[in-house]
Amino acid sequence: MKNDELNNFLAEGMKRYKKASEIMIEFYENVKLKLQQILENRKEWEIFKPGEVKKIKSTKFWDKYPFANAQIAGKINGRLATIKIGINWYASESDYPFYGIWFYDTKADEYIEKLKSYKKHGKVELSNDKNSLVLYPNPDDFDLERDFNLLLDEFLGAISK
């Protein structure tokens, strides 16, 4: 930006920053809450046995890396496992985010190997790093619960085979 453009940008930002910050925080908190509710409301987990739903939590990657998530700890065949779901604007190639699901902070190597053989099914596909499933939602058809339950169905189905 040229100096005049920068000064105009900063001058306008000084007028709007407080409200924009409040909106950003409220948006993030509500998205995070919705993701946590999706995990709390899930009834069928196949091979994964969730722990206490009150321990569902999220990590914060927002201001520099716009990404909202929720995770649930549990067990697979008696071994600790954590599943994380997330909405990723940061790594998206467009202005609209993609959704993902993966194991987080766990020793689930054999299940990650099962995931690597996943073949695209509908809107769900294996991520480029082959450690997660992703869904590229239609921006004109917003239904977070439906889309994340679809991701959970595909993920749990893939690791339960």
C-alpha atoms as a PDB file:
ATOM      1  CA  MET A   1       0.000   0.000   0.000  1.00  0.00           C
ATOM      2  CA  LYS A   2       1.111   3.499  -0.700  1.00  0.00           C
ATOM      3  CA  ASN A   3       1.440   5.826   2.271  1.00  0.00           C
ATOM      4  CA  ASP A   4      -1.851   7.688   1.561  1.00  0.00           C
ATOM      5  CA  GLU A   5      -3.721   4.402   1.067  1.00  0.00           C
ATOM      6  CA  LEU A   6      -2.245   3.038   4.278  1.00  0.00           C
ATOM      7  CA  ASN A   7      -3.229   6.149   6.239  1.00  0.00           C
ATOM      8  CA  ASN A   8      -6.791   5.998   4.857  1.00  0.00           C
ATOM      9  CA  PHE A   9      -6.991   2.294   5.701  1.00  0.00           C
ATOM     10  CA  LEU A  10      -5.747   2.893   9.258  1.00  0.00           C
ATOM     11  CA  ALA A  11      -8.036   5.915   9.751  1.00  0.00           C
ATOM     12  CA  GLU A  12     -11.081   3.864   8.716  1.00  0.00           C
ATOM     13  CA  GLY A  13      -9.908   0.942  10.841  1.00  0.00           C
ATOM     14  CA  MET A  14      -9.654   3.166  13.913  1.00  0.00           C
ATOM     15  CA  LYS A  15     -13.365   3.924  13.536  1.00  0.00           C
ATOM     16  CA  ARG A  16     -14.462   0.319  12.994  1.00  0.00           C
ATOM     17  CA  TYR A  17     -11.968  -1.888  14.841  1.00  0.00           C
ATOM     18  CA  LYS A  18     -13.829  -2.211  18.158  1.00  0.00           C
ATOM     19  CA  LYS A  19     -17.090  -3.330  16.536  1.00  0.00           C
ATOM     20  CA  ALA A  20     -15.284  -5.600  14.044  1.00  0.00           C
ATOM     21  CA  SER A  21     -13.365  -7.206  16.909  1.00  0.00           C
ATOM     22  CA  GLU A  22     -16.578  -7.805  18.880  1.00  0.00           C
ATOM     23  CA  ILE A  23     -18.215  -9.402  15.830  1.00  0.00           C
ATOM     24  CA  MET A  24     -15.176 -11.587  15.138  1.00  0.00           C
ATOM     25  CA  ILE A  25     -15.065 -12.850  18.740  1.00  0.00           C
ATOM     26  CA  GLU A  26     -18.810 -13.524  18.856  1.00  0.00           C
ATOM     27  CA  PHE A  27     -18.674 -15.360  15.518  1.00  0.00           C
ATOM     28  CA  TYR A  28     -15.741 -17.537  16.610  1.00  0.00           C
ATOM     29  CA  GLU A  29     -17.308 -18.384  19.979  1.00  0.00           C
ATOM     30  CA  ASN A  30     -20.599 -19.398  18.358  1.00  0.00           C
ATOM     31  CA  VAL A  31     -18.920 -21.521  15.668  1.00  0.00           C
ATOM     32  CA  LYS A  32     -16.822 -23.243  18.342  1.00  0.00           C
ATOM     33  CA  LEU A  33     -19.939 -23.860  20.457  1.00  0.00           C
ATOM     34  CA  LYS A  34     -21.797 -25.331  17.469  1.00  0.00           C
ATOM     35  CA  LEU A  35     -18.902 -27.736  16.743  1.00  0.00           C
ATOM     36  CA  GLN A  36     -18.843 -28.827  20.381  1.00  0.00           C
ATOM     37  CA  GLN A  37     -22.607 -29.420  20.291  1.00  0.00           C
ATOM     38  CA  ILE A  38     -22.251 -31.592  17.172  1.00  0.00           C
ATOM     39  CA  LEU A  39     -19.860 -33.854  19.091  1.00  0.00           C
ATOM     40  CA  GLU A  40     -22.012 -33.803  22.239  1.00  0.00           C
ATOM     41  CA  ASN A  41     -25.171 -34.747  20.320  1.00  0.00           C
ATOM     42  CA  ARG A  42     -23.603 -37.585  18.329  1.00  0.00           C
ATOM     43  CA  LYS A  43     -25.085 -40.956  19.338  1.00  0.00           C
ATOM     44  CA  GLU A  44     -23.372 -43.509  17.051  1.00  0.00           C
ATOM     45  CA  TRP A  45     -19.572 -43.723  17.241  1.00  0.00           C
ATOM     46  CA  GLU A  46     -18.918 -47.254  15.889  1.00  0.00           C
ATOM     47  CA  ILE A  47     -15.466 -48.430  17.067  1.00  0.00           C
ATOM     48  CA  PHE A  48     -14.719 -45.160  18.929  1.00  0.00           C
ATOM     49  CA  LYS A  49     -15.961 -44.987  22.520  1.00  0.00           C
ATOM     50  CA  PRO A  50     -16.218 -41.324  23.546  1.00  0.00           C
ATOM     51  CA  GLY A  51     -15.277 -40.195  27.027  1.00  0.00           C
ATOM     52  CA  GLU A  52     -17.230 -37.656  29.036  1.00  0.00           C
ATOM     53  CA  VAL A  53     -18.917 -35.134  26.767  1.00  0.00           C
ATOM     54  CA  LYS A  54     -18.316 -32.415  29.348  1.00  0.00           C
ATOM     55  CA  LYS A  55     -14.633 -32.693  28.432  1.00  0.00           C
ATOM     56  CA  ILE A  56     -15.224 -31.704  24.800  1.00  0.00           C
ATOM     57  CA  LYS A  57     -12.995 -28.738  24.131  1.00  0.00           C
ATOM     58  CA  SER A  58     -11.538 -26.498  21.470  1.00  0.00           C
ATOM     59  CA  THR A  59      -8.131 -25.000  20.853  1.00  0.00           C
ATOM     60  CA  LYS A  60      -7.634 -21.412  19.748  1.00  0.00           C
ATOM     61  CA  PHE A  61      -6.209 -20.601  16.335  1.00  0.00           C
ATOM     62  CA  TRP A  62      -8.075 -17.547  15.242  1.00  0.00           C
ATOM     63  CA  ASP A  63      -6.555 -14.125  14.822  1.00  0.00           C
ATOM     64  CA  LYS A  64      -3.637 -15.088  12.521  1.00  0.00           C
ATOM     65  CA  TYR A  65      -4.869 -18.535  11.502  1.00  0.00           C
ATOM     66  CA  PRO A  66      -8.665 -18.514  11.079  1.00  0.00           C
ATOM     67  CA  PHE A  67      -9.559 -22.030  12.144  1.00  0.00           C
ATOM     68  CA  ALA A  68     -12.294 -23.208  14.542  1.00  0.00           C
ATOM     69  CA  ASN A  69     -12.392 -26.706  16.035  1.00  0.00           C
ATOM     70  CA  ALA A  70     -13.687 -29.073  18.678  1.00  0.00           C
ATOM     71  CA  GLN A  71     -12.269 -32.341  19.921  1.00  0.00           C
ATOM     72  CA  ILE A  72     -13.513 -35.346  21.820  1.00  0.00           C
ATOM     73  CA  ALA A  73     -11.356 -37.826  23.702  1.00  0.00           C
ATOM     74  CA  GLY A  74     -12.203 -41.485  23.999  1.00  0.00           C
ATOM     75  CA  LYS A  75     -10.874 -44.952  23.311  1.00  0.00           C
ATOM     76  CA  ILE A  76     -10.581 -47.360  20.419  1.00  0.00           C
ATOM     77  CA  ASN A  77     -10.137 -50.957  21.533  1.00  0.00           C
ATOM     78  CA  GLY A  78      -9.036 -49.732  24.959  1.00  0.00           C
ATOM     79  CA  ARG A  79      -6.424 -47.305  23.596  1.00  0.00           C
ATOM     80  CA  LEU A  80      -6.711 -43.546  24.076  1.00  0.00           C
ATOM     81  CA  ALA A  81      -7.753 -41.640  20.971  1.00  0.00           C
ATOM     82  CA  THR A  82      -8.877 -38.084  20.320  1.00  0.00           C
ATOM     83  CA  ILE A  83     -10.922 -37.035  17.296  1.00  0.00           C
ATOM     84  CA  LYS A  84     -10.923 -33.412  16.184  1.00  0.00           C
ATOM     85  CA  ILE A  85     -13.280 -31.661  13.776  1.00  0.00           C
ATOM     86  CA  GLY A  86     -12.509 -28.264  12.340  1.00  0.00           C
ATOM     87  CA  ILE A  87     -13.438 -25.463   9.989  1.00  0.00           C
ATOM     88  CA  ASN A  88     -10.433 -24.118   8.116  1.00  0.00           C
ATOM     89  CA  TRP A  89     -10.388 -20.729   6.428  1.00  0.00           C
ATOM     90  CA  TYR A  90      -6.617 -20.420   6.737  1.00  0.00           C
ATOM     91  CA  ALA A  91      -5.647 -23.254   4.379  1.00  0.00           C
ATOM     92  CA  SER A  92      -8.654 -22.865   2.083  1.00  0.00           C
ATOM     93  CA  GLU A  93      -7.922 -21.914  -1.509  1.00  0.00           C
ATOM     94  CA  SER A  94     -11.071 -19.779  -1.591  1.00  0.00           C
ATOM     95  CA  ASP A  95     -12.696 -17.326   0.826  1.00  0.00           C
ATOM     96  CA  TYR A  96     -15.012 -20.118   2.003  1.00  0.00           C
ATOM     97  CA  PRO A  97     -13.616 -22.682   4.474  1.00  0.00           C
ATOM     98  CA  PHE A  98     -13.391 -26.425   4.161  1.00  0.00           C
ATOM     99  CA  TYR A  99     -14.282 -28.856   6.957  1.00  0.00           C
ATOM    100  CA  GLY A 100     -12.006 -31.575   8.280  1.00  0.00           C
ATOM    101  CA  ILE A 101     -11.815 -34.500  10.701  1.00  0.00           C
ATOM    102  CA  TRP A 102      -8.738 -36.305  11.983  1.00  0.00           C
ATOM    103  CA  PHE A 103      -7.094 -37.990  14.943  1.00  0.00           C
ATOM    104  CA  TYR A 104      -5.424 -35.569  17.305  1.00  0.00           C
ATOM    105  CA  ASP A 105      -2.788 -36.248  19.962  1.00  0.00           C
ATOM    106  CA  THR A 106      -3.134 -39.997  19.834  1.00  0.00           C
ATOM    107  CA  LYS A 107      -1.337 -43.242  19.025  1.00  0.00           C
ATOM    108  CA  ALA A 108      -3.830 -44.415  16.408  1.00  0.00           C
ATOM    109  CA  ASP A 109      -1.315 -45.376  13.720  1.00  0.00           C
ATOM    110  CA  GLU A 110      -3.185 -48.492  12.578  1.00  0.00           C
ATOM    111  CA  TYR A 111      -6.379 -46.460  12.175  1.00  0.00           C
ATOM    112  CA  ILE A 112      -4.566 -43.673  10.337  1.00  0.00           C
ATOM    113  CA  GLU A 113      -3.298 -46.385   7.961  1.00  0.00           C
ATOM    114  CA  LYS A 114      -6.901 -47.504   7.404  1.00  0.00           C
ATOM    115  CA  LEU A 115      -7.849 -43.904   6.689  1.00  0.00           C
ATOM    116  CA  LYS A 116      -5.146 -43.634   3.996  1.00  0.00           C
ATOM    117  CA  SER A 117      -7.029 -46.137   1.829  1.00  0.00           C
ATOM    118  CA  TYR A 118     -10.210 -44.002   1.870  1.00  0.00           C
ATOM    119  CA  LYS A 119     -11.712 -43.390  -1.571  1.00  0.00           C
ATOM    120  CA  LYS A 120     -13.675 -40.238  -2.287  1.00  0.00           C
ATOM    121  CA  HIS A 121     -17.354 -40.658  -1.454  1.00  0.00           C
ATOM    122  CA  GLY A 122     -19.726 -37.859  -2.445  1.00  0.00           C
ATOM    123  CA  LYS A 123     -18.341 -34.585  -1.119  1.00  0.00           C
ATOM    124  CA  VAL A 124     -15.897 -36.235   1.313  1.00  0.00           C
ATOM    125  CA  GLU A 125     -12.318 -36.974   0.297  1.00  0.00           C
ATOM    126  CA  LEU A 126      -8.953 -37.872   1.772  1.00  0.00           C
ATOM    127  CA  SER A 127      -6.817 -34.807   2.521  1.00  0.00           C
ATOM    128  CA  ASN A 128      -3.552 -34.163   0.682  1.00  0.00           C
ATOM    129  CA  ASP A 129      -1.535 -35.237   3.741  1.00  0.00           C
ATOM    130  CA  LYS A 130      -3.615 -38.459   3.869  1.00  0.00           C
ATOM    131  CA  ASN A 131      -4.187 -38.098   7.632  1.00  0.00           C
ATOM    132  CA  SER A 132      -7.672 -36.635   7.575  1.00  0.00           C
ATOM    133  CA  LEU A 133     -10.914 -36.452   5.661  1.00  0.00           C
ATOM    134  CA  VAL A 134     -12.129 -33.147   4.248  1.00  0.00           C
ATOM    135  CA  LEU A 135     -15.357 -31.817   2.859  1.00  0.00           C
ATOM    136  CA  TYR A 136     -15.653 -28.747   0.630  1.00  0.00           C
ATOM    137  CA  PRO A 137     -19.148 -27.465   1.471  1.00  0.00           C
ATOM    138  CA  ASN A 138     -21.418 -25.574  -0.879  1.00  0.00           C
ATOM    139  CA  PRO A 139     -21.492 -21.948   0.355  1.00  0.00           C
ATOM    140  CA  ASP A 140     -25.137 -21.701  -0.746  1.00  0.00           C
ATOM    141  CA  ASP A 141     -26.232 -24.758   1.262  1.00  0.00           C
ATOM    142  CA  PHE A 142     -25.141 -24.120   4.861  1.00  0.00           C
ATOM    143  CA  ASP A 143     -25.902 -26.968   7.267  1.00  0.00           C
ATOM    144  CA  LEU A 144     -23.008 -27.432   9.672  1.00  0.00           C
ATOM    145  CA  GLU A 145     -24.561 -30.293  11.611  1.00  0.00           C
ATOM    146  CA  ARG A 146     -25.457 -32.286   8.491  1.00  0.00           C
ATOM    147  CA  ASP A 147     -22.026 -31.788   6.938  1.00  0.00           C
ATOM    148  CA  PHE A 148     -20.065 -32.695  10.065  1.00  0.00           C
ATOM    149  CA  ASN A 149     -22.235 -35.738  10.731  1.00  0.00           C
ATOM    150  CA  LEU A 150     -21.506 -36.837   7.156  1.00  0.00           C
ATOM    151  CA  LEU A 151     -17.779 -36.380   7.848  1.00  0.00           C
ATOM    152  CA  LEU A 152     -18.076 -38.286  11.128  1.00  0.00           C
ATOM    153  CA  ASP A 153     -19.977 -41.114   9.390  1.00  0.00           C
ATOM    154  CA  GLU A 154     -17.288 -41.441   6.721  1.00  0.00           C
ATOM    155  CA  PHE A 155     -14.376 -41.163   9.169  1.00  0.00           C
ATOM    156  CA  LEU A 156     -15.771 -43.657  11.647  1.00  0.00           C
ATOM    157  CA  GLY A 157     -16.771 -46.020   8.846  1.00  0.00           C
ATOM    158  CA  ALA A 158     -13.263 -45.906   7.365  1.00  0.00           C
ATOM    159  CA  ILE A 159     -11.463 -46.639  10.640  1.00  0.00           C
ATOM    160  CA  SER A 160     -13.966 -49.294  11.745  1.00  0.00           C
ATOM    161  CA  LYS A 161     -13.404 -51.574   8.739  1.00  0.00           C
END
